[in-house]
Amino acid sequence: MVIDVKAIGVSFVDVLMTRGLYQVRPELPFVPGVEIAGIVRSAPESALVRAGDRCAAHVPQGGFAETVVADPSLVFPLPDELSFEQGAAYAMNYQTVHFGLVRRGRLKAGEHVLVHGAGGGVGTAAIQVAKGLGAVVTAVVDSQATMSVAESAGADRVVAADDDWCGAVRSWYPRGVDITVDPVGGDYFLDSIRLLRREGRHLVIGFAAGGIPEIAVNRLLLKNIDLIGVYWGGFIAEDVSVAAESALALADLAKRGQVRPVVGGTYPLSEAAKALLSIEERTAHGKIVLTTGHGGLDDGRGA
């Protein structure tokens, strides 16, 4: 399938790939970029979209481009409620957290979800999807400066990491939380495990803090808790059907106003290096997006 790209999501995955630190190491030279939004130029009959449709897509690499060839099974209709800029966050971040919360985390309405890195692209997606599924959400952000980002995403409570976040969460929920969403790792990990209630689930999504933590597994035994890996990209390589299922559920959440990707900043495609640095240096808030020369992004549909 061929897509004329309007907007490109920039992610921590892209940063790791450019540093040779991701679990997938493309042969050099390569073009980064794993999530895009645009207009379908051509599509096979079996695809969910047709030529001329607005779409969001996941590609294994090569998204930093004006035209992209994508696997039809990983190209989804872009809901009318979302702009192309928002769509650039839709095909991977939202798929990942929906897969993590529903398929891997077994989230039930009314449960309490704690989200780390809640000022970033994955974190804001996790807040919105969890809220859309009926959860109570507490967000942990890097600093007080990013608290408003998590609040705008819909979190019920927000705390800054430098304000004794662990003590605050424990005071709010003395019995603990049901699920922790962790794209950060590092020093947050062990405190998150301590905050889980009986049969709680800790979702390991990434290691933005840089360190890969370790745990004495007796903690899992004593509290009857689950430590769960969430690698959406690896899972769809074996069973791509989960992507279409999540796309339908996310489209419904978008129509109900519960999914609205938070775009933190846009750069022209020519400034891709600056966009990557903003994520690597952890100055980015919300989803960072690149824009291309394929016309304007304001199509009147996104909120």
C-alpha atoms as a PDB file:
ATOM      1  CA  MET A   1       0.000   0.000   0.000  1.00  0.00           C
ATOM      2  CA  VAL A   2       1.290   3.489  -0.874  1.00  0.00           C
ATOM      3  CA  ILE A   3       0.623   6.471   1.416  1.00  0.00           C
ATOM      4  CA  ASP A   4       1.281  10.176   0.875  1.00  0.00           C
ATOM      5  CA  VAL A   5       2.509  11.205   4.302  1.00  0.00           C
ATOM      6  CA  LYS A   6       1.131  14.296   6.038  1.00  0.00           C
ATOM      7  CA  ALA A   7       2.544  13.807   9.545  1.00  0.00           C
ATOM      8  CA  ILE A   8       5.074  11.515  11.224  1.00  0.00           C
ATOM      9  CA  GLY A   9       5.225  10.545  14.872  1.00  0.00           C
ATOM     10  CA  VAL A  10       8.636  10.749  16.529  1.00  0.00           C
ATOM     11  CA  SER A  11       9.127   8.228  19.328  1.00  0.00           C
ATOM     12  CA  PHE A  12      11.658   6.872  21.796  1.00  0.00           C
ATOM     13  CA  VAL A  13      11.841   3.820  19.526  1.00  0.00           C
ATOM     14  CA  ASP A  14      13.293   6.066  16.806  1.00  0.00           C
ATOM     15  CA  VAL A  15      15.862   7.448  19.237  1.00  0.00           C
ATOM     16  CA  LEU A  16      16.966   3.963  20.281  1.00  0.00           C
ATOM     17  CA  MET A  17      17.173   2.778  16.672  1.00  0.00           C
ATOM     18  CA  THR A  18      19.396   5.697  15.677  1.00  0.00           C
ATOM     19  CA  ARG A  19      21.687   4.829  18.614  1.00  0.00           C
ATOM     20  CA  GLY A  20      21.747   1.111  17.804  1.00  0.00           C
ATOM     21  CA  LEU A  21      20.150   0.347  21.170  1.00  0.00           C
ATOM     22  CA  TYR A  22      16.758  -1.031  20.129  1.00  0.00           C
ATOM     23  CA  GLN A  23      15.972  -4.757  20.049  1.00  0.00           C
ATOM     24  CA  VAL A  24      15.619  -4.383  16.275  1.00  0.00           C
ATOM     25  CA  ARG A  25      18.833  -3.075  14.662  1.00  0.00           C
ATOM     26  CA  PRO A  26      18.329  -2.094  11.007  1.00  0.00           C
ATOM     27  CA  GLU A  27      21.312  -2.354   8.720  1.00  0.00           C
ATOM     28  CA  LEU A  28      22.955   1.024   8.069  1.00  0.00           C
ATOM     29  CA  PRO A  29      22.097   3.318   6.436  1.00  0.00           C
ATOM     30  CA  PHE A  30      18.369   3.369   7.231  1.00  0.00           C
ATOM     31  CA  VAL A  31      15.494   5.864   7.532  1.00  0.00           C
ATOM     32  CA  PRO A  32      13.842   6.105  10.983  1.00  0.00           C
ATOM     33  CA  GLY A  33      10.128   6.495  11.565  1.00  0.00           C
ATOM     34  CA  VAL A  34       7.574   3.905  12.642  1.00  0.00           C
ATOM     35  CA  GLU A  35       4.233   5.743  12.688  1.00  0.00           C
ATOM     36  CA  ILE A  36       2.642   8.030  10.112  1.00  0.00           C
ATOM     37  CA  ALA A  37      -0.615   9.651   9.076  1.00  0.00           C
ATOM     38  CA  GLY A  38      -1.612  10.644   5.568  1.00  0.00           C
ATOM     39  CA  ILE A  39      -3.703   9.949   2.495  1.00  0.00           C
ATOM     40  CA  VAL A  40      -3.892   6.557   0.806  1.00  0.00           C
ATOM     41  CA  ARG A  41      -2.576   6.723  -2.746  1.00  0.00           C
ATOM     42  CA  SER A  42      -3.234   3.090  -3.608  1.00  0.00           C
ATOM     43  CA  ALA A  43      -4.482   0.042  -1.703  1.00  0.00           C
ATOM     44  CA  PRO A  44      -5.340  -3.617  -2.361  1.00  0.00           C
ATOM     45  CA  GLU A  45      -8.955  -4.768  -2.229  1.00  0.00           C
ATOM     46  CA  SER A  46      -8.387  -6.547   1.092  1.00  0.00           C
ATOM     47  CA  ALA A  47      -7.315  -3.370   2.933  1.00  0.00           C
ATOM     48  CA  LEU A  48      -9.423  -1.504   5.493  1.00  0.00           C
ATOM     49  CA  VAL A  49      -8.935   1.730   3.509  1.00  0.00           C
ATOM     50  CA  ARG A  50      -9.247   2.880  -0.093  1.00  0.00           C
ATOM     51  CA  ALA A  51      -7.411   5.371  -2.295  1.00  0.00           C
ATOM     52  CA  GLY A  52      -8.141   8.897  -1.061  1.00  0.00           C
ATOM     53  CA  ASP A  53      -8.900   7.850   2.534  1.00  0.00           C
ATOM     54  CA  ARG A  54      -7.266   9.448   5.554  1.00  0.00           C
ATOM     55  CA  CYS A  55      -5.223   6.864   7.420  1.00  0.00           C
ATOM     56  CA  ALA A  56      -2.745   6.121  10.192  1.00  0.00           C
ATOM     57  CA  ALA A  57      -0.115   3.439   9.734  1.00  0.00           C
ATOM     58  CA  HIS A  58       2.689   1.603  11.493  1.00  0.00           C
ATOM     59  CA  VAL A  59       5.835   0.799   9.510  1.00  0.00           C
ATOM     60  CA  PRO A  60       8.918  -1.065  10.789  1.00  0.00           C
ATOM     61  CA  GLN A  61      11.139   1.825   9.595  1.00  0.00           C
ATOM     62  CA  GLY A  62      11.259   4.445   6.852  1.00  0.00           C
ATOM     63  CA  GLY A  63       8.493   6.727   8.116  1.00  0.00           C
ATOM     64  CA  PHE A  64      10.596   9.912   7.961  1.00  0.00           C
ATOM     65  CA  ALA A  65       9.563  10.412   4.330  1.00  0.00           C
ATOM     66  CA  GLU A  66       6.981  12.085   2.104  1.00  0.00           C
ATOM     67  CA  THR A  67       5.771   8.797   0.600  1.00  0.00           C
ATOM     68  CA  VAL A  68       5.726   5.420   2.350  1.00  0.00           C
ATOM     69  CA  VAL A  69       4.908   1.838   1.418  1.00  0.00           C
ATOM     70  CA  ALA A  70       3.110   0.077   4.275  1.00  0.00           C
ATOM     71  CA  ASP A  71       1.737  -3.366   5.101  1.00  0.00           C
ATOM     72  CA  PRO A  72      -2.058  -3.081   4.525  1.00  0.00           C
ATOM     73  CA  SER A  73      -2.769  -4.983   7.750  1.00  0.00           C
ATOM     74  CA  LEU A  74      -1.107  -2.175   9.720  1.00  0.00           C
ATOM     75  CA  VAL A  75      -2.898   0.718   8.027  1.00  0.00           C
ATOM     76  CA  PHE A  76      -6.033   1.943   9.798  1.00  0.00           C
ATOM     77  CA  PRO A  77      -8.743   4.464   8.942  1.00  0.00           C
ATOM     78  CA  LEU A  78      -8.025   7.753  10.722  1.00  0.00           C
ATOM     79  CA  PRO A  79     -11.168   8.794  12.624  1.00  0.00           C
ATOM     80  CA  ASP A  80     -12.686  12.062  11.404  1.00  0.00           C
ATOM     81  CA  GLU A  81     -12.336  13.422  14.933  1.00  0.00           C
ATOM     82  CA  LEU A  82      -8.514  13.365  14.704  1.00  0.00           C
ATOM     83  CA  SER A  83      -6.186  15.631  12.728  1.00  0.00           C
ATOM     84  CA  PHE A  84      -3.220  14.266  10.796  1.00  0.00           C
ATOM     85  CA  GLU A  85      -0.922  15.502  13.561  1.00  0.00           C
ATOM     86  CA  GLN A  86      -2.931  13.543  16.111  1.00  0.00           C
ATOM     87  CA  GLY A  87      -3.026  10.597  13.736  1.00  0.00           C
ATOM     88  CA  ALA A  88       0.768  10.455  13.804  1.00  0.00           C
ATOM     89  CA  ALA A  89       0.478   9.283  17.439  1.00  0.00           C
ATOM     90  CA  TYR A  90      -2.397   6.908  16.768  1.00  0.00           C
ATOM     91  CA  ALA A  91      -0.868   3.930  14.989  1.00  0.00           C
ATOM     92  CA  MET A  92       1.722   2.837  17.575  1.00  0.00           C
ATOM     93  CA  ASN A  93       1.403   4.621  20.936  1.00  0.00           C
ATOM     94  CA  TYR A  94      -2.323   4.052  21.246  1.00  0.00           C
ATOM     95  CA  GLN A  95      -2.141   0.551  19.834  1.00  0.00           C
ATOM     96  CA  THR A  96       0.610  -0.275  22.329  1.00  0.00           C
ATOM     97  CA  VAL A  97      -1.204   0.970  25.419  1.00  0.00           C
ATOM     98  CA  HIS A  98      -4.536  -0.553  24.362  1.00  0.00           C
ATOM     99  CA  PHE A  99      -2.803  -3.904  23.815  1.00  0.00           C
ATOM    100  CA  GLY A 100      -1.001  -3.483  27.149  1.00  0.00           C
ATOM    101  CA  LEU A 101      -4.025  -2.534  29.216  1.00  0.00           C
ATOM    102  CA  VAL A 102      -6.577  -4.866  27.637  1.00  0.00           C
ATOM    103  CA  ARG A 103      -4.786  -7.955  26.261  1.00  0.00           C
ATOM    104  CA  ARG A 104      -1.817  -8.074  28.634  1.00  0.00           C
ATOM    105  CA  GLY A 105      -3.049  -6.168  31.693  1.00  0.00           C
ATOM    106  CA  ARG A 106      -6.662  -7.440  31.810  1.00  0.00           C
ATOM    107  CA  LEU A 107      -7.930  -4.026  32.868  1.00  0.00           C
ATOM    108  CA  LYS A 108     -11.428  -3.877  34.337  1.00  0.00           C
ATOM    109  CA  ALA A 109     -13.617  -0.793  34.672  1.00  0.00           C
ATOM    110  CA  GLY A 110     -13.222   0.814  38.082  1.00  0.00           C
ATOM    111  CA  GLU A 111      -9.624  -0.316  38.613  1.00  0.00           C
ATOM    112  CA  HIS A 112      -6.856   2.114  39.518  1.00  0.00           C
ATOM    113  CA  VAL A 113      -4.090   2.675  36.955  1.00  0.00           C
ATOM    114  CA  LEU A 114      -0.805   4.439  37.702  1.00  0.00           C
ATOM    115  CA  VAL A 115       0.952   5.882  34.629  1.00  0.00           C
ATOM    116  CA  HIS A 116       4.639   6.821  34.590  1.00  0.00           C
ATOM    117  CA  GLY A 117       6.128   9.201  32.039  1.00  0.00           C
ATOM    118  CA  ALA A 118       2.651  10.692  31.854  1.00  0.00           C
ATOM    119  CA  GLY A 119       3.792  13.885  30.129  1.00  0.00           C
ATOM    120  CA  GLY A 120       5.066  12.017  27.048  1.00  0.00           C
ATOM    121  CA  GLY A 121       3.450  10.393  24.037  1.00  0.00           C
ATOM    122  CA  VAL A 122       3.017   6.903  25.514  1.00  0.00           C
ATOM    123  CA  GLY A 123       1.993   8.278  28.912  1.00  0.00           C
ATOM    124  CA  THR A 124      -0.719  10.595  27.605  1.00  0.00           C
ATOM    125  CA  ALA A 125      -2.024   7.763  25.402  1.00  0.00           C
ATOM    126  CA  ALA A 126      -2.176   5.452  28.439  1.00  0.00           C
ATOM    127  CA  ILE A 127      -4.117   8.041  30.439  1.00  0.00           C
ATOM    128  CA  GLN A 128      -6.740   8.462  27.736  1.00  0.00           C
ATOM    129  CA  VAL A 129      -7.174   4.785  26.924  1.00  0.00           C
ATOM    130  CA  ALA A 130      -7.387   3.806  30.596  1.00  0.00           C
ATOM    131  CA  LYS A 131      -9.951   6.539  31.257  1.00  0.00           C
ATOM    132  CA  GLY A 132     -11.907   5.511  28.179  1.00  0.00           C
ATOM    133  CA  LEU A 133     -12.050   1.958  29.537  1.00  0.00           C
ATOM    134  CA  GLY A 134     -13.451   3.151  32.855  1.00  0.00           C
ATOM    135  CA  ALA A 135     -10.324   3.245  35.046  1.00  0.00           C
ATOM    136  CA  VAL A 136      -9.282   5.760  37.680  1.00  0.00           C
ATOM    137  CA  VAL A 137      -5.921   7.175  36.581  1.00  0.00           C
ATOM    138  CA  THR A 138      -3.046   8.652  38.558  1.00  0.00           C
ATOM    139  CA  ALA A 139      -0.261  10.220  36.496  1.00  0.00           C
ATOM    140  CA  VAL A 140       3.396  10.612  37.448  1.00  0.00           C
ATOM    141  CA  VAL A 141       5.250  13.280  35.438  1.00  0.00           C
ATOM    142  CA  ASP A 142       8.900  14.322  35.349  1.00  0.00           C
ATOM    143  CA  SER A 143       8.363  17.727  36.953  1.00  0.00           C
ATOM    144  CA  GLN A 144       5.719  20.234  37.977  1.00  0.00           C
ATOM    145  CA  ALA A 145       6.184  21.939  34.602  1.00  0.00           C
ATOM    146  CA  THR A 146       4.557  18.968  32.853  1.00  0.00           C
ATOM    147  CA  MET A 147       1.667  18.428  35.253  1.00  0.00           C
ATOM    148  CA  SER A 148      -0.708  20.373  33.007  1.00  0.00           C
ATOM    149  CA  VAL A 149       0.027  17.978  30.106  1.00  0.00           C
ATOM    150  CA  ALA A 150      -1.197  14.957  32.088  1.00  0.00           C
ATOM    151  CA  GLU A 151      -4.154  16.943  33.410  1.00  0.00           C
ATOM    152  CA  SER A 152      -5.192  17.899  29.882  1.00  0.00           C
ATOM    153  CA  ALA A 153      -4.973  14.221  28.885  1.00  0.00           C
ATOM    154  CA  GLY A 154      -7.612  13.459  31.541  1.00  0.00           C
ATOM    155  CA  ALA A 155      -5.749  12.082  34.569  1.00  0.00           C
ATOM    156  CA  ASP A 156      -7.737  12.089  37.827  1.00  0.00           C
ATOM    157  CA  ARG A 157      -4.657  12.904  39.925  1.00  0.00           C
ATOM    158  CA  VAL A 158      -1.212  14.125  38.907  1.00  0.00           C
ATOM    159  CA  VAL A 159       2.022  14.169  40.885  1.00  0.00           C
ATOM    160  CA  ALA A 160       5.535  15.232  39.947  1.00  0.00           C
ATOM    161  CA  ALA A 161       8.333  12.692  40.361  1.00  0.00           C
ATOM    162  CA  ASP A 162      10.372  15.175  42.404  1.00  0.00           C
ATOM    163  CA  ASP A 163       7.502  15.641  44.912  1.00  0.00           C
ATOM    164  CA  ASP A 164       7.654  12.230  46.670  1.00  0.00           C
ATOM    165  CA  TRP A 165       5.316  10.696  44.125  1.00  0.00           C
ATOM    166  CA  CYS A 166       5.390   7.330  45.869  1.00  0.00           C
ATOM    167  CA  GLY A 167       4.264   8.771  49.204  1.00  0.00           C
ATOM    168  CA  ALA A 168       1.508  10.752  47.509  1.00  0.00           C
ATOM    169  CA  VAL A 169       0.119   7.707  45.687  1.00  0.00           C
ATOM    170  CA  ARG A 170       0.249   5.632  48.877  1.00  0.00           C
ATOM    171  CA  SER A 171      -1.696   8.326  50.756  1.00  0.00           C
ATOM    172  CA  TRP A 172      -4.350   8.470  48.024  1.00  0.00           C
ATOM    173  CA  TYR A 173      -4.683   4.698  47.639  1.00  0.00           C
ATOM    174  CA  PRO A 174      -3.581   2.980  50.885  1.00  0.00           C
ATOM    175  CA  ARG A 175      -4.577  -0.451  49.510  1.00  0.00           C
ATOM    176  CA  GLY A 176      -2.455   0.099  46.402  1.00  0.00           C
ATOM    177  CA  VAL A 177      -3.155   0.347  42.677  1.00  0.00           C
ATOM    178  CA  ASP A 178      -4.252  -2.366  40.264  1.00  0.00           C
ATOM    179  CA  ILE A 179      -2.018  -1.630  37.269  1.00  0.00           C
ATOM    180  CA  THR A 180       1.144   0.391  36.722  1.00  0.00           C
ATOM    181  CA  VAL A 181       2.029   1.464  33.182  1.00  0.00           C
ATOM    182  CA  ASP A 182       5.794   1.894  32.977  1.00  0.00           C
ATOM    183  CA  PRO A 183       7.558   3.191  29.867  1.00  0.00           C
ATOM    184  CA  VAL A 184      10.316   4.673  32.074  1.00  0.00           C
ATOM    185  CA  GLY A 185      11.972   1.924  34.136  1.00  0.00           C
ATOM    186  CA  GLY A 186      14.991   2.945  36.202  1.00  0.00           C
ATOM    187  CA  ASP A 187      14.365   4.029  39.780  1.00  0.00           C
ATOM    188  CA  TYR A 188      10.592   4.069  39.340  1.00  0.00           C
ATOM    189  CA  PHE A 189      10.361   0.326  38.970  1.00  0.00           C
ATOM    190  CA  LEU A 190      10.746  -1.021  42.514  1.00  0.00           C
ATOM    191  CA  ASP A 191       8.541   1.645  44.096  1.00  0.00           C
ATOM    192  CA  SER A 192       5.863   0.826  41.530  1.00  0.00           C
ATOM    193  CA  ILE A 193       6.009  -2.861  42.486  1.00  0.00           C
ATOM    194  CA  ARG A 194       5.600  -1.896  46.150  1.00  0.00           C
ATOM    195  CA  LEU A 195       2.489   0.144  45.327  1.00  0.00           C
ATOM    196  CA  LEU A 196       0.640  -2.719  43.654  1.00  0.00           C
ATOM    197  CA  ARG A 197      -2.222  -4.294  45.536  1.00  0.00           C
ATOM    198  CA  ARG A 198      -2.892  -8.046  45.645  1.00  0.00           C
ATOM    199  CA  GLU A 199      -3.100  -9.439  42.093  1.00  0.00           C
ATOM    200  CA  GLY A 200      -1.808  -6.160  40.702  1.00  0.00           C
ATOM    201  CA  ARG A 201      -0.076  -5.979  37.307  1.00  0.00           C
ATOM    202  CA  HIS A 202       3.035  -4.006  36.359  1.00  0.00           C
ATOM    203  CA  LEU A 203       3.268  -3.359  32.601  1.00  0.00           C
ATOM    204  CA  VAL A 204       6.835  -3.043  31.306  1.00  0.00           C
ATOM    205  CA  ILE A 205       6.672  -0.930  28.115  1.00  0.00           C
ATOM    206  CA  GLY A 206      10.102   0.674  27.915  1.00  0.00           C
ATOM    207  CA  PHE A 207      13.139   2.114  29.641  1.00  0.00           C
ATOM    208  CA  ALA A 208      13.186   5.843  28.896  1.00  0.00           C
ATOM    209  CA  ALA A 209      15.195   6.468  32.083  1.00  0.00           C
ATOM    210  CA  GLY A 210      18.038   4.469  30.559  1.00  0.00           C
ATOM    211  CA  GLY A 211      18.476   1.719  33.133  1.00  0.00           C
ATOM    212  CA  ILE A 212      16.907  -1.731  32.881  1.00  0.00           C
ATOM    213  CA  PRO A 213      15.851  -2.616  36.452  1.00  0.00           C
ATOM    214  CA  GLU A 214      15.994  -5.997  38.148  1.00  0.00           C
ATOM    215  CA  ILE A 215      13.826  -7.557  40.829  1.00  0.00           C
ATOM    216  CA  ALA A 216      13.995 -10.321  43.404  1.00  0.00           C
ATOM    217  CA  VAL A 217      11.149 -12.512  42.185  1.00  0.00           C
ATOM    218  CA  ASN A 218      10.030 -13.382  45.725  1.00  0.00           C
ATOM    219  CA  ARG A 219       8.274  -9.970  45.677  1.00  0.00           C
ATOM    220  CA  LEU A 220       5.995 -11.292  42.956  1.00  0.00           C
ATOM    221  CA  LEU A 221       5.278 -14.465  44.906  1.00  0.00           C
ATOM    222  CA  LEU A 222       4.581 -12.811  48.254  1.00  0.00           C
ATOM    223  CA  LYS A 223       2.098 -10.288  46.854  1.00  0.00           C
ATOM    224  CA  ASN A 224       0.582 -12.474  44.105  1.00  0.00           C
ATOM    225  CA  ILE A 225       1.388  -9.840  41.499  1.00  0.00           C
ATOM    226  CA  ASP A 226       2.262 -10.034  37.810  1.00  0.00           C
ATOM    227  CA  LEU A 227       5.220  -8.500  36.013  1.00  0.00           C
ATOM    228  CA  ILE A 228       4.093  -8.245  32.378  1.00  0.00           C
ATOM    229  CA  GLY A 229       6.031  -7.433  29.236  1.00  0.00           C
ATOM    230  CA  VAL A 230       4.280  -5.294  26.616  1.00  0.00           C
ATOM    231  CA  TYR A 231       6.018  -5.474  23.219  1.00  0.00           C
ATOM    232  CA  TRP A 232       3.289  -4.703  20.704  1.00  0.00           C
ATOM    233  CA  GLY A 233       5.652  -4.729  17.736  1.00  0.00           C
ATOM    234  CA  GLY A 234       6.916  -8.203  18.557  1.00  0.00           C
ATOM    235  CA  PHE A 235       3.412  -9.534  19.159  1.00  0.00           C
ATOM    236  CA  ILE A 236       1.945  -8.340  15.849  1.00  0.00           C
ATOM    237  CA  ALA A 237       4.830 -10.003  14.038  1.00  0.00           C
ATOM    238  CA  GLU A 238       3.253 -13.291  15.179  1.00  0.00           C
ATOM    239  CA  ASP A 239      -0.441 -12.318  15.266  1.00  0.00           C
ATOM    240  CA  VAL A 240      -1.351  -9.129  13.409  1.00  0.00           C
ATOM    241  CA  SER A 241      -5.095  -9.581  14.104  1.00  0.00           C
ATOM    242  CA  VAL A 242      -4.708  -7.834  17.450  1.00  0.00           C
ATOM    243  CA  ALA A 243      -3.959  -4.590  15.582  1.00  0.00           C
ATOM    244  CA  ALA A 244      -7.316  -4.546  13.767  1.00  0.00           C
ATOM    245  CA  GLU A 245      -9.136  -5.340  17.020  1.00  0.00           C
ATOM    246  CA  SER A 246      -7.449  -2.456  18.815  1.00  0.00           C
ATOM    247  CA  ALA A 247      -8.066  -0.115  15.860  1.00  0.00           C
ATOM    248  CA  LEU A 248     -11.820  -0.702  16.106  1.00  0.00           C
ATOM    249  CA  ALA A 249     -11.845  -0.132  19.861  1.00  0.00           C
ATOM    250  CA  LEU A 250      -9.704   3.012  19.586  1.00  0.00           C
ATOM    251  CA  ALA A 251     -11.885   4.431  16.805  1.00  0.00           C
ATOM    252  CA  ASP A 252     -14.879   4.042  19.094  1.00  0.00           C
ATOM    253  CA  LEU A 253     -13.027   5.852  21.903  1.00  0.00           C
ATOM    254  CA  ALA A 254     -12.109   8.633  19.467  1.00  0.00           C
ATOM    255  CA  LYS A 255     -15.737   9.042  18.383  1.00  0.00           C
ATOM    256  CA  ARG A 256     -16.733   9.327  22.031  1.00  0.00           C
ATOM    257  CA  GLY A 257     -14.125  12.032  22.596  1.00  0.00           C
ATOM    258  CA  GLN A 258     -11.964   9.929  24.893  1.00  0.00           C
ATOM    259  CA  VAL A 259      -8.990   9.569  22.538  1.00  0.00           C
ATOM    260  CA  ARG A 260      -7.394  12.861  21.540  1.00  0.00           C
ATOM    261  CA  PRO A 261      -3.613  12.484  21.129  1.00  0.00           C
ATOM    262  CA  VAL A 262      -1.731  15.310  22.837  1.00  0.00           C
ATOM    263  CA  VAL A 263       0.646  16.896  20.306  1.00  0.00           C
ATOM    264  CA  GLY A 264       3.483  18.546  22.167  1.00  0.00           C
ATOM    265  CA  GLY A 265       5.402  20.071  19.279  1.00  0.00           C
ATOM    266  CA  THR A 266       5.813  19.928  15.505  1.00  0.00           C
ATOM    267  CA  TYR A 267       8.911  20.189  13.325  1.00  0.00           C
ATOM    268  CA  PRO A 268       9.321  20.178   9.565  1.00  0.00           C
ATOM    269  CA  LEU A 269      10.721  16.917   8.212  1.00  0.00           C
ATOM    270  CA  SER A 270      14.010  18.706   7.492  1.00  0.00           C
ATOM    271  CA  GLU A 271      14.475  19.188  11.263  1.00  0.00           C
ATOM    272  CA  ALA A 272      14.038  15.546  12.216  1.00  0.00           C
ATOM    273  CA  ALA A 273      17.334  15.556  14.142  1.00  0.00           C
ATOM    274  CA  LYS A 274      16.057  18.339  16.425  1.00  0.00           C
ATOM    275  CA  ALA A 275      12.869  16.394  17.074  1.00  0.00           C
ATOM    276  CA  LEU A 276      14.826  13.277  18.018  1.00  0.00           C
ATOM    277  CA  LEU A 277      17.041  15.279  20.377  1.00  0.00           C
ATOM    278  CA  SER A 278      14.000  16.745  22.140  1.00  0.00           C
ATOM    279  CA  ILE A 279      12.958  13.209  23.060  1.00  0.00           C
ATOM    280  CA  GLU A 280      16.444  11.982  23.925  1.00  0.00           C
ATOM    281  CA  GLU A 281      17.009  14.998  26.200  1.00  0.00           C
ATOM    282  CA  ARG A 282      13.531  14.553  27.733  1.00  0.00           C
ATOM    283  CA  THR A 283      12.381  18.087  26.936  1.00  0.00           C
ATOM    284  CA  ALA A 284       9.423  16.883  24.839  1.00  0.00           C
ATOM    285  CA  HIS A 285       5.880  17.097  26.186  1.00  0.00           C
ATOM    286  CA  GLY A 286       3.119  15.080  24.567  1.00  0.00           C
ATOM    287  CA  LYS A 287       3.719  13.613  21.114  1.00  0.00           C
ATOM    288  CA  ILE A 288       6.409  15.117  18.883  1.00  0.00           C
ATOM    289  CA  VAL A 289       5.418  15.239  15.221  1.00  0.00           C
ATOM    290  CA  LEU A 290       7.172  15.924  11.919  1.00  0.00           C
ATOM    291  CA  THR A 291       5.263  17.524   9.047  1.00  0.00           C
ATOM    292  CA  THR A 292       5.857  17.049   5.324  1.00  0.00           C
ATOM    293  CA  GLY A 293       5.336  19.104   2.188  1.00  0.00           C
ATOM    294  CA  HIS A 294       2.109  17.309   1.231  1.00  0.00           C
ATOM    295  CA  GLY A 295      -0.171  20.301   1.782  1.00  0.00           C
ATOM    296  CA  GLY A 296      -1.521  21.708   5.044  1.00  0.00           C
ATOM    297  CA  LEU A 297      -2.380  19.651   8.079  1.00  0.00           C
ATOM    298  CA  ASP A 298      -5.444  21.604   9.113  1.00  0.00           C
ATOM    299  CA  ASP A 299      -8.179  19.676   7.308  1.00  0.00           C
ATOM    300  CA  GLY A 300     -10.919  20.869   9.633  1.00  0.00           C
ATOM    301  CA  ARG A 301     -11.536  17.443  11.135  1.00  0.00           C
ATOM    302  CA  GLY A 302      -9.219  17.222  14.146  1.00  0.00           C
ATOM    303  CA  ALA A 303     -10.138  18.616  17.559  1.00  0.00           C
END
